[in-house]
């Protein structure tokens, strides 16, 4: 009888801990989809808490946050949106978590040529580009082509996605022969995961500093604070971020 009572108490303890596990509502820029999924799995295993992630364009998330969306944390694709959120009193503690890289990529092997004039060639009929007003990687792509001096010439070839996730899908499914996408979408552990690509030289566009910000719904939440500390200090997190080709500055 005593053993039965102990077993029952243990079961109730586990049940209670399961019920008390926190859910953290996180908005994530599309380029950081794969890394946050890996990081979430690690964190959930270590903490027992659950990360509920939504993926999309930073600009679209900002509009939702302004309209009262219940996200507790935003992992943006830029630094200016988190700063704006803090300045407008919608969140706190904006800080960088990664610096992104732009790549010209094709789903076809050995297709990409590391030459600014390649996108002008007849071989490239459509170019997937993210909307520069919504997606920082789209802005970086426009800056790159402006520096190359061929933006106006290639604009008729553009297939535009409202976030870098959709832009990648256009290139992946060959709706466009090439796409300007985030390196993290096509790269892992030092090599391209498929197709062919050219990592665009960093001097072709402004640094893509990506900041996180704790939003007002998560401001006084212990689980949110714990998760953000984990993001900032865990070597496991940095290892995942590094593996997708992000830099630290």
Protein backbone atom coordinates (compact mmCIF):
# COMPACT_ATOMS: atom_id res chain seq x y z
CA UNK A 1 0.00 0.00 0.00
CA UNK A 2 2.85 2.35 0.93
CA UNK A 3 4.62 1.65 -2.40
CA UNK A 4 1.37 2.31 -4.25
CA UNK A 5 0.96 5.69 -2.51
CA UNK A 6 4.57 6.66 -3.34
CA UNK A 7 4.08 5.68 -6.97
CA UNK A 8 0.85 7.66 -7.11
CA UNK A 9 2.51 10.70 -5.58
CA UNK A 10 5.36 10.46 -8.09
CA UNK A 11 2.88 10.22 -10.95
CA UNK A 12 0.98 13.26 -9.68
CA UNK A 13 4.24 15.19 -9.37
CA UNK A 14 5.15 14.44 -13.00
CA UNK A 15 1.62 15.34 -14.08
CA UNK A 16 1.79 18.64 -12.25
CA UNK A 17 5.17 19.47 -13.78
CA UNK A 18 3.77 18.67 -17.22
CA UNK A 19 0.80 20.97 -16.67
CA UNK A 20 3.05 23.79 -15.45
CA UNK A 21 5.37 23.63 -18.48
CA UNK A 22 5.36 27.04 -20.13
CA UNK A 23 4.62 27.82 -23.76
CA UNK A 24 6.64 30.64 -25.32
CA UNK A 25 5.12 32.35 -28.34
CA UNK A 26 7.90 33.36 -30.70
CA UNK A 27 7.80 35.23 -34.04
CA UNK A 28 10.75 34.29 -36.24
CA UNK A 29 12.07 35.82 -39.45
CA UNK A 30 11.83 33.25 -42.24
CA UNK A 31 15.60 33.02 -42.76
CA UNK A 32 16.02 31.72 -39.19
CA UNK A 33 13.45 28.92 -39.56
CA UNK A 34 15.83 25.95 -39.61
CA UNK A 35 18.12 27.16 -36.80
CA UNK A 36 15.27 28.01 -34.41
CA UNK A 37 13.73 24.58 -34.96
CA UNK A 38 16.98 22.91 -33.90
CA UNK A 39 17.47 25.32 -31.02
CA UNK A 40 13.89 24.85 -29.83
CA UNK A 41 14.30 21.08 -29.74
CA UNK A 42 17.42 21.44 -27.57
CA UNK A 43 15.78 23.97 -25.25
CA UNK A 44 12.56 22.00 -24.88
CA UNK A 45 14.51 18.88 -23.93
CA UNK A 46 16.53 20.77 -21.32
CA UNK A 47 13.79 22.95 -19.84
CA UNK A 48 10.51 21.11 -20.39
CA UNK A 49 9.03 24.31 -21.81
CA UNK A 50 7.55 24.55 -25.31
CA UNK A 51 8.48 26.99 -28.09
CA UNK A 52 5.55 27.93 -30.32
CA UNK A 53 7.20 29.49 -33.38
CA UNK A 54 5.57 31.40 -36.23
CA UNK A 55 7.61 32.15 -39.35
CA UNK A 56 7.32 35.05 -41.77
CA UNK A 57 8.50 38.49 -42.86
CA UNK A 58 9.85 40.89 -40.25
CA UNK A 59 7.79 43.76 -41.67
CA UNK A 60 4.61 41.71 -41.49
CA UNK A 61 5.34 40.69 -37.90
CA UNK A 62 5.86 44.34 -36.95
CA UNK A 63 2.41 45.20 -38.30
CA UNK A 64 0.88 42.31 -36.33
CA UNK A 65 2.68 43.35 -33.14
CA UNK A 66 1.40 46.92 -33.56
CA UNK A 67 -2.10 45.46 -33.81
CA UNK A 68 -1.77 43.48 -30.58
CA UNK A 69 -0.53 40.05 -31.71
CA UNK A 70 0.36 38.02 -28.60
CA UNK A 71 3.95 37.16 -29.58
CA UNK A 72 6.33 37.25 -26.61
CA UNK A 73 9.61 37.40 -28.54
CA UNK A 74 10.57 38.52 -32.04
CA UNK A 75 13.66 37.23 -33.82
CA UNK A 76 13.87 39.80 -36.60
CA UNK A 77 15.83 39.78 -39.85
CA UNK A 78 17.11 43.27 -39.13
CA UNK A 79 18.05 45.60 -36.29
CA UNK A 80 15.84 48.57 -37.14
CA UNK A 81 12.52 46.80 -36.48
CA UNK A 82 13.40 45.71 -32.90
CA UNK A 83 14.73 49.24 -32.25
CA UNK A 84 11.46 50.70 -33.50
CA UNK A 85 9.53 48.29 -31.28
CA UNK A 86 11.51 49.43 -28.22
CA UNK A 87 11.21 53.10 -29.17
CA UNK A 88 7.43 52.73 -29.51
CA UNK A 89 7.11 51.06 -26.11
CA UNK A 90 6.11 47.67 -27.55
CA UNK A 91 9.08 45.71 -26.21
CA UNK A 92 12.41 45.74 -24.38
CA UNK A 93 15.97 44.48 -24.59
CA UNK A 94 16.74 44.50 -28.31
CA UNK A 95 20.08 42.82 -29.00
CA UNK A 96 21.83 41.03 -31.89
CA UNK A 97 21.67 37.26 -32.16
CA UNK A 98 23.19 36.76 -35.64
CA UNK A 99 24.53 38.50 -38.75
CA UNK A 100 23.09 37.09 -41.95
CA UNK A 101 24.66 36.53 -45.36
CA UNK A 102 23.13 36.87 -48.81
CA UNK A 103 23.60 34.23 -51.51
CA UNK A 104 22.64 33.95 -55.16
CA UNK A 105 21.36 30.38 -55.40
CA UNK A 106 19.91 27.94 -57.90
CA UNK A 107 18.34 24.54 -57.34
CA UNK A 108 20.37 23.31 -60.34
CA UNK A 109 23.85 21.94 -59.76
CA UNK A 110 26.78 23.82 -61.32
CA UNK A 111 24.48 26.55 -62.66
CA UNK A 112 25.49 29.70 -60.78
CA UNK A 113 28.38 31.75 -62.16
CA UNK A 114 30.25 34.03 -59.75
CA UNK A 115 29.88 37.04 -62.01
CA UNK A 116 27.58 40.09 -61.52
CA UNK A 117 26.63 39.95 -65.21
CA UNK A 118 25.44 36.33 -64.93
CA UNK A 119 21.92 37.43 -63.98
CA UNK A 120 21.74 39.42 -67.24
CA UNK A 121 22.31 36.31 -69.33
CA UNK A 122 19.61 34.53 -71.35
CA UNK A 123 20.08 31.48 -69.11
CA UNK A 124 18.43 33.43 -66.29
CA UNK A 125 14.83 34.18 -67.25
CA UNK A 126 13.42 34.70 -63.73
CA UNK A 127 15.08 35.90 -60.52
CA UNK A 128 13.43 35.35 -57.12
CA UNK A 129 13.83 38.40 -54.86
CA UNK A 130 12.18 39.25 -51.55
CA UNK A 131 10.19 42.47 -51.21
CA UNK A 132 12.78 45.01 -49.97
CA UNK A 133 10.10 46.89 -48.00
CA UNK A 134 9.26 43.81 -45.95
CA UNK A 135 12.35 41.61 -45.98
CA UNK A 136 15.90 42.78 -45.13
CA UNK A 137 17.38 40.10 -47.40
CA UNK A 138 15.37 41.63 -50.23
CA UNK A 139 16.79 45.03 -49.34
CA UNK A 140 20.29 43.53 -49.39
CA UNK A 141 19.63 42.01 -52.82
CA UNK A 142 18.56 45.40 -54.21
CA UNK A 143 21.65 47.03 -52.69
CA UNK A 144 23.80 44.35 -54.31
CA UNK A 145 22.34 44.82 -57.77
CA UNK A 146 22.57 48.60 -57.43
CA UNK A 147 26.26 48.22 -56.65
CA UNK A 148 26.66 45.93 -59.64
CA UNK A 149 24.90 48.54 -61.78
CA UNK A 150 22.35 46.13 -63.25
CA UNK A 151 19.24 46.60 -61.06
CA UNK A 152 17.12 48.42 -63.65
CA UNK A 153 18.14 45.97 -66.38
CA UNK A 154 17.11 42.87 -64.45
CA UNK A 155 13.97 44.16 -62.69
CA UNK A 156 11.70 42.76 -65.44
CA UNK A 157 12.95 39.29 -64.49
CA UNK A 158 11.93 39.57 -60.83
CA UNK A 159 9.55 37.16 -59.11
CA UNK A 160 8.88 38.81 -55.76
CA UNK A 161 8.13 37.07 -52.47
CA UNK A 162 6.82 38.93 -49.44
CA UNK A 163 9.34 37.11 -47.25
CA UNK A 164 12.57 35.23 -47.79
CA UNK A 165 10.82 31.89 -47.19
CA UNK A 166 8.53 32.35 -50.18
CA UNK A 167 11.43 33.71 -52.22
CA UNK A 168 13.40 30.56 -51.51
CA UNK A 169 10.43 28.41 -52.56
CA UNK A 170 10.28 30.22 -55.92
CA UNK A 171 13.92 29.37 -56.56
CA UNK A 172 13.68 25.84 -55.12
CA UNK A 173 10.73 24.87 -57.32
CA UNK A 174 12.34 26.42 -60.45
CA UNK A 175 9.67 29.10 -60.79
CA UNK A 176 12.84 31.16 -61.02
CA UNK A 177 16.20 29.92 -62.29
CA UNK A 178 17.99 31.78 -59.49
CA UNK A 179 17.12 33.57 -56.28
CA UNK A 180 18.72 35.98 -53.85
CA UNK A 181 18.12 34.12 -50.58
CA UNK A 182 19.56 33.78 -47.10
CA UNK A 183 22.64 31.59 -46.89
CA UNK A 184 21.08 29.80 -43.92
CA UNK A 185 18.36 28.38 -46.20
CA UNK A 186 20.78 26.49 -48.45
CA UNK A 187 23.88 25.92 -46.33
CA UNK A 188 24.87 23.67 -43.44
CA UNK A 189 28.19 22.77 -41.85
CA UNK A 190 30.40 24.49 -44.39
CA UNK A 191 28.72 23.53 -47.67
CA UNK A 192 25.62 24.02 -49.80
CA UNK A 193 22.96 21.44 -49.01
CA UNK A 194 21.73 21.35 -52.62
CA UNK A 195 22.03 23.16 -55.94
CA UNK A 196 24.72 25.75 -56.56
CA UNK A 197 25.36 29.18 -55.11
CA UNK A 198 27.55 32.24 -54.81
CA UNK A 199 27.95 33.80 -51.36
CA UNK A 200 27.70 37.49 -52.21
CA UNK A 201 30.72 39.53 -51.05
CA UNK A 202 29.89 41.38 -47.84
CA UNK A 203 30.87 44.76 -49.30
CA UNK A 204 27.96 44.58 -51.78
CA UNK A 205 25.30 45.26 -49.14
CA UNK A 206 24.90 46.72 -45.68
CA UNK A 207 25.47 44.24 -42.83
CA UNK A 208 22.36 42.19 -42.10
CA UNK A 209 22.37 42.48 -38.33
CA UNK A 210 19.51 40.45 -36.89
CA UNK A 211 18.21 41.47 -33.48
CA UNK A 212 15.84 39.81 -31.06
CA UNK A 213 13.47 41.76 -28.82
CA UNK A 214 11.29 40.75 -25.89
CA UNK A 215 7.78 41.99 -26.61
CA UNK A 216 5.41 43.36 -23.99
CA UNK A 217 3.40 40.10 -23.63
CA UNK A 218 6.64 38.36 -22.62
CA UNK A 219 8.19 41.17 -20.61
CA UNK A 220 7.58 39.81 -17.11
CA UNK A 221 7.52 36.14 -18.03
CA UNK A 222 10.10 33.96 -16.26
CA UNK A 223 10.08 31.31 -19.00
CA UNK A 224 10.73 33.96 -21.65
CA UNK A 225 13.63 35.35 -19.63
CA UNK A 226 15.03 31.83 -19.22
CA UNK A 227 14.78 31.13 -22.95
CA UNK A 228 16.47 34.39 -23.91
CA UNK A 229 19.28 33.70 -21.44
CA UNK A 230 19.67 30.27 -23.04
CA UNK A 231 19.83 31.90 -26.50
CA UNK A 232 22.52 34.33 -25.36
CA UNK A 233 24.75 32.00 -23.35
CA UNK A 234 24.42 28.40 -24.51
CA UNK A 235 27.35 27.08 -26.57
CA UNK A 236 24.86 24.69 -28.17
CA UNK A 237 22.91 27.65 -29.57
CA UNK A 238 26.03 29.27 -30.99
CA UNK A 239 27.06 25.99 -32.58
CA UNK A 240 23.70 25.73 -34.38
CA UNK A 241 23.82 29.36 -35.53
CA UNK A 242 27.38 28.95 -36.83
CA UNK A 243 26.47 25.76 -38.70
CA UNK A 244 23.99 27.68 -40.89
CA UNK A 245 26.61 30.18 -42.06
CA UNK A 246 25.74 33.16 -39.91
CA UNK A 247 28.58 35.32 -38.63
CA UNK A 248 28.90 36.91 -35.21
CA UNK A 249 29.70 40.43 -36.52
